[in-house]
N, C-alpha and C. Protein backbone atom coordinates (compact mmCIF):
# COMPACT_ATOMS: atom_id res chain seq x y z
N MET A 1 66.35 -90.70 -9.55
CA MET A 1 64.94 -90.87 -9.74
C MET A 1 64.28 -89.54 -10.10
N THR A 2 63.29 -89.60 -10.95
CA THR A 2 62.55 -88.43 -11.35
C THR A 2 61.34 -88.25 -10.44
N PRO A 3 61.17 -87.04 -9.91
CA PRO A 3 60.00 -86.80 -9.05
C PRO A 3 58.70 -86.97 -9.83
N PRO A 4 57.59 -87.24 -9.15
CA PRO A 4 56.30 -87.32 -9.83
C PRO A 4 56.00 -86.03 -10.58
N SER A 5 55.14 -86.07 -11.58
CA SER A 5 54.90 -84.91 -12.44
C SER A 5 54.34 -83.71 -11.68
N ASP A 6 53.65 -83.93 -10.57
CA ASP A 6 53.10 -82.79 -9.83
C ASP A 6 54.03 -82.32 -8.71
N TYR A 7 55.25 -82.85 -8.68
CA TYR A 7 56.23 -82.46 -7.67
C TYR A 7 56.86 -81.15 -8.11
N VAL A 8 56.62 -80.08 -7.37
CA VAL A 8 57.13 -78.76 -7.72
C VAL A 8 57.83 -78.19 -6.50
N LEU A 9 58.97 -77.56 -6.73
CA LEU A 9 59.73 -76.94 -5.65
C LEU A 9 59.67 -75.43 -5.81
N HIS A 10 59.21 -74.74 -4.78
CA HIS A 10 59.21 -73.27 -4.75
C HIS A 10 60.14 -72.87 -3.60
N VAL A 11 61.04 -71.96 -3.87
CA VAL A 11 61.91 -71.45 -2.83
C VAL A 11 61.64 -69.96 -2.69
N THR A 12 61.29 -69.55 -1.50
CA THR A 12 61.00 -68.15 -1.24
C THR A 12 61.71 -67.75 0.04
N ARG A 13 62.40 -66.63 -0.01
CA ARG A 13 63.05 -66.11 1.20
C ARG A 13 62.53 -64.72 1.46
N TYR A 14 62.18 -64.46 2.69
CA TYR A 14 61.72 -63.14 3.09
C TYR A 14 62.78 -62.49 3.94
N SER A 15 63.15 -61.27 3.59
CA SER A 15 64.11 -60.56 4.43
C SER A 15 63.47 -59.26 4.89
N GLY A 16 63.56 -59.04 6.16
CA GLY A 16 62.99 -57.83 6.72
C GLY A 16 61.49 -57.94 6.92
N GLY A 17 60.94 -57.05 7.68
CA GLY A 17 59.51 -57.06 7.92
C GLY A 17 59.07 -58.24 8.76
N ASN A 18 57.79 -58.48 8.79
CA ASN A 18 57.23 -59.58 9.56
C ASN A 18 57.16 -60.82 8.68
N ARG A 19 58.14 -61.70 8.81
CA ARG A 19 58.23 -62.89 7.94
C ARG A 19 57.04 -63.83 8.12
N LEU A 20 56.60 -64.02 9.35
CA LEU A 20 55.45 -64.91 9.57
C LEU A 20 54.20 -64.35 8.90
N GLN A 21 54.00 -63.06 8.98
CA GLN A 21 52.84 -62.43 8.33
C GLN A 21 52.94 -62.59 6.82
N ALA A 22 54.12 -62.36 6.27
CA ALA A 22 54.31 -62.50 4.82
C ALA A 22 54.06 -63.94 4.37
N LEU A 23 54.55 -64.88 5.15
CA LEU A 23 54.34 -66.29 4.82
C LEU A 23 52.86 -66.65 4.93
N ALA A 24 52.19 -66.16 5.97
CA ALA A 24 50.76 -66.41 6.13
C ALA A 24 49.97 -65.82 4.97
N ASP A 25 50.35 -64.63 4.51
CA ASP A 25 49.69 -64.02 3.36
C ASP A 25 49.84 -64.90 2.11
N LEU A 26 51.05 -65.40 1.89
CA LEU A 26 51.31 -66.26 0.73
C LEU A 26 50.52 -67.56 0.82
N VAL A 27 50.55 -68.19 1.97
CA VAL A 27 49.83 -69.45 2.16
C VAL A 27 48.32 -69.24 2.00
N ALA A 28 47.79 -68.16 2.54
CA ALA A 28 46.36 -67.88 2.41
C ALA A 28 45.99 -67.68 0.94
N LYS A 29 46.84 -66.99 0.21
CA LYS A 29 46.59 -66.73 -1.21
C LYS A 29 46.58 -68.02 -2.02
N ARG A 30 47.46 -68.96 -1.66
CA ARG A 30 47.62 -70.21 -2.42
C ARG A 30 47.01 -71.43 -1.74
N SER A 31 46.25 -71.24 -0.68
CA SER A 31 45.82 -72.36 0.15
C SER A 31 45.03 -73.42 -0.62
N LEU A 32 44.14 -73.03 -1.49
CA LEU A 32 43.36 -74.03 -2.22
C LEU A 32 44.22 -74.80 -3.22
N GLU A 33 45.19 -74.12 -3.80
CA GLU A 33 46.10 -74.75 -4.76
C GLU A 33 47.09 -75.70 -4.07
N TRP A 34 47.57 -75.31 -2.91
CA TRP A 34 48.62 -76.07 -2.23
C TRP A 34 48.11 -77.11 -1.25
N ALA A 35 46.86 -77.05 -0.87
CA ALA A 35 46.33 -77.96 0.15
C ALA A 35 46.23 -79.39 -0.38
N PRO A 36 46.38 -80.35 0.54
CA PRO A 36 46.76 -80.20 1.95
C PRO A 36 48.26 -79.92 2.08
N MET A 37 48.59 -79.14 3.09
CA MET A 37 49.99 -78.74 3.26
C MET A 37 50.43 -78.84 4.71
N PHE A 38 51.73 -79.08 4.87
CA PHE A 38 52.38 -79.04 6.17
C PHE A 38 53.26 -77.80 6.20
N VAL A 39 53.28 -77.13 7.34
CA VAL A 39 54.20 -76.02 7.56
C VAL A 39 55.00 -76.35 8.81
N TYR A 40 56.28 -76.66 8.62
CA TYR A 40 57.16 -77.08 9.72
C TYR A 40 57.84 -75.89 10.38
N PHE A 41 57.91 -75.95 11.69
CA PHE A 41 58.64 -74.96 12.47
C PHE A 41 59.52 -75.68 13.49
N SER A 42 60.60 -75.04 13.89
CA SER A 42 61.44 -75.61 14.94
C SER A 42 61.15 -74.96 16.29
N ASP A 43 60.23 -74.00 16.31
CA ASP A 43 59.89 -73.28 17.53
C ASP A 43 58.37 -73.31 17.71
N THR A 44 57.92 -73.79 18.86
CA THR A 44 56.49 -73.93 19.13
C THR A 44 55.75 -72.59 19.10
N THR A 45 56.35 -71.56 19.66
CA THR A 45 55.71 -70.25 19.67
C THR A 45 55.46 -69.74 18.26
N ARG A 46 56.45 -69.91 17.38
CA ARG A 46 56.28 -69.49 15.98
C ARG A 46 55.20 -70.31 15.29
N ALA A 47 55.15 -71.60 15.56
CA ALA A 47 54.12 -72.46 14.95
C ALA A 47 52.73 -72.02 15.41
N LYS A 48 52.57 -71.74 16.70
CA LYS A 48 51.28 -71.28 17.22
C LYS A 48 50.89 -69.93 16.63
N THR A 49 51.84 -69.02 16.55
CA THR A 49 51.57 -67.69 15.98
C THR A 49 51.16 -67.80 14.53
N PHE A 50 51.89 -68.61 13.77
CA PHE A 50 51.57 -68.78 12.35
C PHE A 50 50.19 -69.40 12.17
N ASN A 51 49.89 -70.41 12.96
CA ASN A 51 48.59 -71.05 12.86
C ASN A 51 47.47 -70.06 13.15
N LYS A 52 47.67 -69.21 14.16
CA LYS A 52 46.67 -68.19 14.49
C LYS A 52 46.49 -67.21 13.33
N LEU A 53 47.59 -66.82 12.67
CA LEU A 53 47.50 -65.92 11.52
C LEU A 53 46.68 -66.55 10.40
N LEU A 54 46.92 -67.83 10.12
CA LEU A 54 46.16 -68.50 9.07
C LEU A 54 44.67 -68.55 9.42
N CYS A 55 44.37 -68.89 10.65
CA CYS A 55 42.96 -68.95 11.07
C CYS A 55 42.29 -67.59 10.94
N GLU A 56 43.00 -66.52 11.30
CA GLU A 56 42.46 -65.17 11.17
C GLU A 56 42.18 -64.81 9.72
N LYS A 57 42.91 -65.42 8.79
CA LYS A 57 42.72 -65.17 7.36
C LYS A 57 41.66 -66.09 6.76
N GLY A 58 41.06 -66.93 7.59
CA GLY A 58 40.01 -67.82 7.11
C GLY A 58 40.49 -69.11 6.49
N VAL A 59 41.76 -69.42 6.64
CA VAL A 59 42.31 -70.67 6.12
C VAL A 59 42.03 -71.77 7.14
N GLY A 60 41.50 -72.89 6.71
CA GLY A 60 41.29 -74.02 7.61
C GLY A 60 42.64 -74.57 8.05
N ALA A 61 43.09 -74.16 9.21
CA ALA A 61 44.42 -74.52 9.70
C ALA A 61 44.34 -75.10 11.10
N GLU A 62 45.24 -76.03 11.38
CA GLU A 62 45.33 -76.61 12.72
C GLU A 62 46.79 -76.74 13.10
N LEU A 63 47.01 -77.02 14.38
CA LEU A 63 48.35 -77.10 14.94
C LEU A 63 48.57 -78.46 15.58
N VAL A 64 49.70 -79.07 15.29
CA VAL A 64 50.12 -80.29 15.99
C VAL A 64 51.55 -80.05 16.47
N ILE A 65 51.75 -80.18 17.77
CA ILE A 65 53.09 -80.06 18.34
C ILE A 65 53.44 -81.37 19.03
N GLY A 66 54.67 -81.49 19.45
CA GLY A 66 55.16 -82.74 20.01
C GLY A 66 54.32 -83.34 21.11
N ASP A 67 53.72 -82.52 21.95
CA ASP A 67 52.95 -83.08 23.06
C ASP A 67 51.44 -83.17 22.78
N THR A 68 51.04 -83.02 21.51
CA THR A 68 49.64 -83.21 21.14
C THR A 68 49.27 -84.67 21.39
N LYS A 69 48.16 -84.90 22.05
CA LYS A 69 47.75 -86.27 22.38
C LYS A 69 47.48 -87.07 21.12
N THR A 70 47.77 -88.36 21.18
CA THR A 70 47.62 -89.25 20.03
C THR A 70 46.22 -89.19 19.44
N LYS A 71 45.21 -89.18 20.29
CA LYS A 71 43.82 -89.12 19.82
C LYS A 71 43.56 -87.81 19.07
N ASP A 72 44.02 -86.69 19.62
CA ASP A 72 43.83 -85.39 18.97
C ASP A 72 44.59 -85.33 17.65
N ARG A 73 45.80 -85.89 17.63
CA ARG A 73 46.61 -85.92 16.41
C ARG A 73 45.88 -86.71 15.32
N ALA A 74 45.33 -87.86 15.68
CA ALA A 74 44.62 -88.71 14.71
C ALA A 74 43.39 -87.98 14.15
N GLN A 75 42.67 -87.27 15.00
CA GLN A 75 41.50 -86.51 14.55
C GLN A 75 41.90 -85.38 13.60
N THR A 76 42.99 -84.71 13.92
CA THR A 76 43.48 -83.64 13.07
C THR A 76 43.91 -84.18 11.71
N LEU A 77 44.62 -85.31 11.71
CA LEU A 77 45.05 -85.91 10.44
C LEU A 77 43.85 -86.36 9.61
N ALA A 78 42.81 -86.85 10.26
CA ALA A 78 41.60 -87.23 9.53
C ALA A 78 40.97 -86.02 8.85
N ARG A 79 40.99 -84.86 9.53
CA ARG A 79 40.42 -83.65 8.95
C ARG A 79 41.25 -83.15 7.77
N ILE A 80 42.58 -83.28 7.85
CA ILE A 80 43.40 -82.83 6.72
C ILE A 80 43.24 -83.78 5.53
N ARG A 81 43.09 -85.07 5.81
CA ARG A 81 42.87 -86.04 4.72
C ARG A 81 41.52 -85.81 4.04
N SER A 82 40.52 -85.40 4.80
CA SER A 82 39.18 -85.18 4.25
C SER A 82 39.04 -83.83 3.55
N GLY A 83 40.00 -82.94 3.74
CA GLY A 83 39.94 -81.63 3.11
C GLY A 83 39.32 -80.55 3.99
N LYS A 84 38.87 -80.90 5.17
CA LYS A 84 38.31 -79.90 6.08
C LYS A 84 39.40 -78.96 6.60
N THR A 85 40.58 -79.50 6.79
CA THR A 85 41.74 -78.71 7.20
C THR A 85 42.67 -78.61 5.99
N LEU A 86 43.09 -77.38 5.67
CA LEU A 86 43.95 -77.18 4.50
C LEU A 86 45.43 -77.15 4.87
N ALA A 87 45.74 -76.57 6.03
CA ALA A 87 47.13 -76.40 6.44
C ALA A 87 47.34 -76.92 7.85
N LEU A 88 48.45 -77.59 8.04
CA LEU A 88 48.80 -78.13 9.34
C LEU A 88 50.14 -77.56 9.76
N SER A 89 50.14 -76.74 10.82
CA SER A 89 51.39 -76.20 11.37
C SER A 89 51.95 -77.23 12.33
N LEU A 90 53.23 -77.56 12.15
CA LEU A 90 53.85 -78.65 12.92
C LEU A 90 55.11 -78.18 13.63
N CYS A 91 55.33 -78.72 14.82
CA CYS A 91 56.56 -78.47 15.54
C CYS A 91 56.81 -79.61 16.52
N GLY A 92 58.00 -80.16 16.50
CA GLY A 92 58.40 -81.16 17.48
C GLY A 92 57.73 -82.52 17.32
N CYS A 93 57.35 -82.89 16.12
CA CYS A 93 56.67 -84.18 15.88
C CYS A 93 57.69 -85.20 15.38
N TYR A 94 58.59 -85.60 16.24
CA TYR A 94 59.68 -86.46 15.80
C TYR A 94 59.46 -87.92 16.13
N ASN A 95 58.90 -88.23 17.27
CA ASN A 95 58.77 -89.62 17.69
C ASN A 95 57.64 -90.34 16.96
N GLU A 96 56.44 -89.76 16.98
CA GLU A 96 55.31 -90.41 16.33
C GLU A 96 55.25 -90.10 14.84
N GLY A 97 55.77 -88.96 14.44
CA GLY A 97 55.74 -88.58 13.04
C GLY A 97 54.36 -88.20 12.56
N ILE A 98 54.31 -87.72 11.35
CA ILE A 98 53.07 -87.30 10.71
C ILE A 98 53.11 -87.86 9.30
N SER A 99 52.05 -88.51 8.87
CA SER A 99 52.02 -89.09 7.53
C SER A 99 50.65 -88.86 6.91
N VAL A 100 50.66 -88.22 5.74
CA VAL A 100 49.44 -87.99 4.98
C VAL A 100 49.77 -88.23 3.51
N ASP A 101 49.25 -89.30 2.93
CA ASP A 101 49.54 -89.63 1.54
C ASP A 101 49.08 -88.55 0.58
N GLU A 102 48.01 -87.84 0.91
CA GLU A 102 47.45 -86.82 0.04
C GLU A 102 48.24 -85.51 0.04
N LEU A 103 49.28 -85.42 0.84
CA LEU A 103 50.07 -84.21 1.01
C LEU A 103 50.54 -83.66 -0.33
N ARG A 104 50.34 -82.36 -0.55
CA ARG A 104 50.77 -81.72 -1.79
C ARG A 104 51.90 -80.71 -1.57
N THR A 105 51.97 -80.13 -0.37
CA THR A 105 52.92 -79.04 -0.15
C THR A 105 53.54 -79.15 1.23
N VAL A 106 54.85 -78.90 1.28
CA VAL A 106 55.58 -78.83 2.55
C VAL A 106 56.31 -77.50 2.57
N ILE A 107 56.11 -76.76 3.64
CA ILE A 107 56.76 -75.47 3.81
C ILE A 107 57.58 -75.51 5.08
N PHE A 108 58.82 -75.07 5.00
CA PHE A 108 59.66 -74.94 6.18
C PHE A 108 59.59 -73.47 6.59
N GLY A 109 58.92 -73.21 7.68
CA GLY A 109 58.61 -71.84 8.10
C GLY A 109 59.71 -71.09 8.78
N ASP A 110 60.83 -71.73 9.04
CA ASP A 110 61.94 -71.06 9.71
C ASP A 110 62.96 -70.58 8.70
N LEU A 111 63.56 -69.44 8.98
CA LEU A 111 64.53 -68.85 8.08
C LEU A 111 65.80 -69.69 7.94
N ARG A 112 66.26 -70.20 9.05
CA ARG A 112 67.54 -70.93 9.01
C ARG A 112 67.34 -72.34 8.46
N HIS A 113 68.42 -72.89 7.98
CA HIS A 113 68.39 -74.25 7.43
C HIS A 113 68.90 -75.20 8.51
N SER A 114 67.99 -75.70 9.31
CA SER A 114 68.38 -76.57 10.42
C SER A 114 68.54 -78.00 9.93
N ASP A 115 69.22 -78.82 10.73
CA ASP A 115 69.37 -80.24 10.40
C ASP A 115 68.01 -80.92 10.34
N VAL A 116 67.08 -80.50 11.19
CA VAL A 116 65.74 -81.09 11.19
C VAL A 116 65.06 -80.82 9.85
N ASN A 117 65.15 -79.58 9.34
CA ASN A 117 64.55 -79.26 8.05
C ASN A 117 65.16 -80.11 6.95
N ARG A 118 66.47 -80.27 6.95
CA ARG A 118 67.11 -81.10 5.92
C ARG A 118 66.64 -82.54 6.00
N GLN A 119 66.59 -83.10 7.20
CA GLN A 119 66.16 -84.49 7.36
C GLN A 119 64.72 -84.67 6.91
N GLN A 120 63.84 -83.75 7.26
CA GLN A 120 62.44 -83.84 6.86
C GLN A 120 62.32 -83.74 5.34
N GLY A 121 63.08 -82.84 4.73
CA GLY A 121 63.05 -82.69 3.28
C GLY A 121 63.54 -83.93 2.56
N ILE A 122 64.60 -84.53 3.06
CA ILE A 122 65.13 -85.77 2.46
C ILE A 122 64.10 -86.89 2.62
N ARG A 123 63.50 -87.00 3.78
CA ARG A 123 62.50 -88.03 4.02
C ARG A 123 61.32 -87.84 3.07
N LEU A 124 60.86 -86.60 2.90
CA LEU A 124 59.74 -86.32 2.00
C LEU A 124 60.10 -86.70 0.57
N TYR A 125 61.28 -86.34 0.11
CA TYR A 125 61.68 -86.66 -1.26
C TYR A 125 61.71 -88.17 -1.47
N ARG A 126 62.24 -88.89 -0.50
CA ARG A 126 62.30 -90.36 -0.61
C ARG A 126 60.91 -90.94 -0.70
N ILE A 127 59.99 -90.42 0.10
CA ILE A 127 58.61 -90.93 0.08
C ILE A 127 57.95 -90.61 -1.25
N GLN A 128 58.12 -89.42 -1.75
CA GLN A 128 57.44 -88.99 -2.97
C GLN A 128 57.97 -89.70 -4.22
N THR A 129 59.19 -90.15 -4.23
CA THR A 129 59.76 -90.72 -5.46
C THR A 129 59.65 -92.23 -5.54
N THR A 130 59.12 -92.88 -4.53
CA THR A 130 59.02 -94.34 -4.59
C THR A 130 57.65 -94.79 -5.04
């Protein structure tokens, strides 16, 4: 199957230095172009730190982790769908999942290629191509 015409893959690897800061700089620079976006992490502390960096840069960013209450999650998703929130940092959202049809960008914020990242990427590709 051919991806939709606006489906673009960017691969960026950062070595050395503060990777979260470098990623936050890139996301802040491209936030209007890439929004709405998900940034996946496998570590809650890294997700919280990254979200704080984005907020400090003036990017409309929010955080959803596995134990975020259903009501709060729904409100956050409504804000990302409306454009009030540009970036959503995610960690541990496996049972309830996260779904936003308007999604334009997915970033895997961890350096390593975990099974979770692969599964999320495959799921996203399947959703985007149908």
